[in-house]
Amino acid sequence: MAITLDETTGTKDQEVVTMNGDLTVDPALAYKEAAKYVNLSTRQFRRVFIDSGALPIVRVSERRPRVRLSDLNACLKSRTASFEPVESI
């Protein structure tokens, strides 16, 4: 999985991984990997995203919870504020 930073928008984008040209793979990240992706400690990541219920959890097994990269990107996008300059009169 390759994660790149888009210089124009300042967002992180995932390279599309396809199998046979049809199936797009959406990686499931461990909390530690997801925290690194958003530049937080694992503890901060759990407080902000998991404990608050902002992200759905995928249970790979009983002891291996994961977060989908697409869900994480959607959550980040919904929490991003954009400002437009206001013209002075």
C-alpha atoms as a PDB file:
ATOM      1  CA  MET A   1       0.000   0.000   0.000  1.00  0.00           C
ATOM      2  CA  ALA A   2       1.386   3.369  -0.959  1.00  0.00           C
ATOM      3  CA  ILE A   3       0.178   6.554   0.645  1.00  0.00           C
ATOM      4  CA  THR A   4       1.094   9.837  -0.975  1.00  0.00           C
ATOM      5  CA  LEU A   5       0.566  13.460  -0.019  1.00  0.00           C
ATOM      6  CA  ASP A   6      -1.167  15.643  -2.600  1.00  0.00           C
ATOM      7  CA  GLU A   7       0.778  18.920  -2.618  1.00  0.00           C
ATOM      8  CA  THR A   8      -2.101  20.991  -4.024  1.00  0.00           C
ATOM      9  CA  THR A   9      -4.775  20.031  -1.512  1.00  0.00           C
ATOM     10  CA  GLY A  10      -2.606  18.871   1.385  1.00  0.00           C
ATOM     11  CA  THR A  11      -4.532  15.601   1.656  1.00  0.00           C
ATOM     12  CA  LYS A  12      -3.215  12.084   1.720  1.00  0.00           C
ATOM     13  CA  ASP A  13      -4.300   9.847  -1.144  1.00  0.00           C
ATOM     14  CA  GLN A  14      -4.099   6.109  -1.528  1.00  0.00           C
ATOM     15  CA  GLU A  15      -2.917   4.557  -4.759  1.00  0.00           C
ATOM     16  CA  VAL A  16      -5.694   2.435  -6.232  1.00  0.00           C
ATOM     17  CA  VAL A  17      -4.911  -1.249  -5.923  1.00  0.00           C
ATOM     18  CA  THR A  18      -6.805  -3.387  -8.419  1.00  0.00           C
ATOM     19  CA  MET A  19      -6.933  -7.093  -9.128  1.00  0.00           C
ATOM     20  CA  ASN A  20      -7.882  -8.133 -12.663  1.00  0.00           C
ATOM     21  CA  GLY A  21      -8.948  -4.542 -13.340  1.00  0.00           C
ATOM     22  CA  ASP A  22     -12.297  -5.009 -11.546  1.00  0.00           C
ATOM     23  CA  LEU A  23     -11.861  -5.353  -7.804  1.00  0.00           C
ATOM     24  CA  THR A  24     -10.653  -2.413  -5.757  1.00  0.00           C
ATOM     25  CA  VAL A  25      -9.029  -3.378  -2.466  1.00  0.00           C
ATOM     26  CA  ASP A  26      -9.815  -1.177   0.519  1.00  0.00           C
ATOM     27  CA  PRO A  27      -7.137  -1.879   3.127  1.00  0.00           C
ATOM     28  CA  ALA A  28      -8.104  -2.394   6.750  1.00  0.00           C
ATOM     29  CA  LEU A  29      -5.603  -0.618   8.994  1.00  0.00           C
ATOM     30  CA  ALA A  30      -4.667  -1.504  12.559  1.00  0.00           C
ATOM     31  CA  TYR A  31      -5.095   1.335  15.050  1.00  0.00           C
ATOM     32  CA  LYS A  32      -1.336   1.923  15.098  1.00  0.00           C
ATOM     33  CA  GLU A  33      -1.193   2.216  11.287  1.00  0.00           C
ATOM     34  CA  ALA A  34      -4.249   4.475  11.165  1.00  0.00           C
ATOM     35  CA  ALA A  35      -2.821   6.690  13.911  1.00  0.00           C
ATOM     36  CA  LYS A  36       0.407   7.058  11.961  1.00  0.00           C
ATOM     37  CA  TYR A  37      -1.619   7.952   8.841  1.00  0.00           C
ATOM     38  CA  VAL A  38      -3.295  10.886  10.631  1.00  0.00           C
ATOM     39  CA  ASN A  39      -0.120  11.799  12.556  1.00  0.00           C
ATOM     40  CA  LEU A  40      -1.490  11.049  16.037  1.00  0.00           C
ATOM     41  CA  SER A  41      -0.419   8.742  18.818  1.00  0.00           C
ATOM     42  CA  THR A  42      -2.387   5.513  19.109  1.00  0.00           C
ATOM     43  CA  ARG A  43      -3.973   6.745  22.332  1.00  0.00           C
ATOM     44  CA  GLN A  44      -5.083  10.047  20.763  1.00  0.00           C
ATOM     45  CA  PHE A  45      -6.411   8.211  17.705  1.00  0.00           C
ATOM     46  CA  ARG A  46      -8.543   5.938  19.863  1.00  0.00           C
ATOM     47  CA  ARG A  47      -9.960   8.888  21.819  1.00  0.00           C
ATOM     48  CA  VAL A  48     -10.720  11.066  18.804  1.00  0.00           C
ATOM     49  CA  PHE A  49     -11.973   8.494  16.318  1.00  0.00           C
ATOM     50  CA  ILE A  50     -12.836   5.203  18.029  1.00  0.00           C
ATOM     51  CA  ASP A  51     -14.180   6.081  21.484  1.00  0.00           C
ATOM     52  CA  SER A  52     -16.256   8.934  20.022  1.00  0.00           C
ATOM     53  CA  GLY A  53     -17.884   6.558  17.519  1.00  0.00           C
ATOM     54  CA  ALA A  54     -16.707   8.590  14.516  1.00  0.00           C
ATOM     55  CA  LEU A  55     -15.303   5.523  12.722  1.00  0.00           C
ATOM     56  CA  PRO A  56     -16.868   2.102  12.204  1.00  0.00           C
ATOM     57  CA  ILE A  57     -14.697  -0.796  13.344  1.00  0.00           C
ATOM     58  CA  VAL A  58     -14.083  -3.920  11.259  1.00  0.00           C
ATOM     59  CA  ARG A  59     -13.463  -7.007  13.398  1.00  0.00           C
ATOM     60  CA  VAL A  60     -10.955  -9.236  11.622  1.00  0.00           C
ATOM     61  CA  SER A  61     -11.014 -11.487  14.675  1.00  0.00           C
ATOM     62  CA  GLU A  62     -11.972 -11.094  18.313  1.00  0.00           C
ATOM     63  CA  ARG A  63      -8.711  -9.349  19.186  1.00  0.00           C
ATOM     64  CA  ARG A  64      -7.904  -7.640  15.890  1.00  0.00           C
ATOM     65  CA  PRO A  65     -10.101  -4.594  15.275  1.00  0.00           C
ATOM     66  CA  ARG A  66      -9.364  -2.653  12.096  1.00  0.00           C
ATOM     67  CA  VAL A  67     -10.425   0.587  10.410  1.00  0.00           C
ATOM     68  CA  ARG A  68     -11.038   0.849   6.657  1.00  0.00           C
ATOM     69  CA  LEU A  69      -8.881   3.435   4.908  1.00  0.00           C
ATOM     70  CA  SER A  70     -11.881   4.712   2.919  1.00  0.00           C
ATOM     71  CA  ASP A  71     -13.849   5.255   6.166  1.00  0.00           C
ATOM     72  CA  LEU A  72     -10.893   7.098   7.690  1.00  0.00           C
ATOM     73  CA  ASN A  73     -10.532   9.345   4.630  1.00  0.00           C
ATOM     74  CA  ALA A  74     -14.286  10.068   4.625  1.00  0.00           C
ATOM     75  CA  CYS A  75     -14.181  10.951   8.329  1.00  0.00           C
ATOM     76  CA  LEU A  76     -11.221  13.273   7.806  1.00  0.00           C
ATOM     77  CA  LYS A  77     -12.944  14.929   4.852  1.00  0.00           C
ATOM     78  CA  SER A  78     -16.129  15.522   6.856  1.00  0.00           C
ATOM     79  CA  ARG A  79     -14.111  17.115   9.679  1.00  0.00           C
ATOM     80  CA  THR A  80     -12.095  19.404   7.407  1.00  0.00           C
ATOM     81  CA  ALA A  81     -13.131  23.048   7.323  1.00  0.00           C
ATOM     82  CA  SER A  82     -12.554  25.169   4.261  1.00  0.00           C
ATOM     83  CA  PHE A  83     -12.609  28.920   4.224  1.00  0.00           C
ATOM     84  CA  GLU A  84     -13.192  31.259   1.313  1.00  0.00           C
ATOM     85  CA  PRO A  85     -11.953  34.836   1.355  1.00  0.00           C
ATOM     86  CA  VAL A  86     -14.611  37.480   1.826  1.00  0.00           C
ATOM     87  CA  GLU A  87     -14.554  40.599  -0.312  1.00  0.00           C
ATOM     88  CA  SER A  88     -14.305  43.863   1.579  1.00  0.00           C
ATOM     89  CA  ILE A  89     -16.861  46.488   0.731  1.00  0.00           C
END
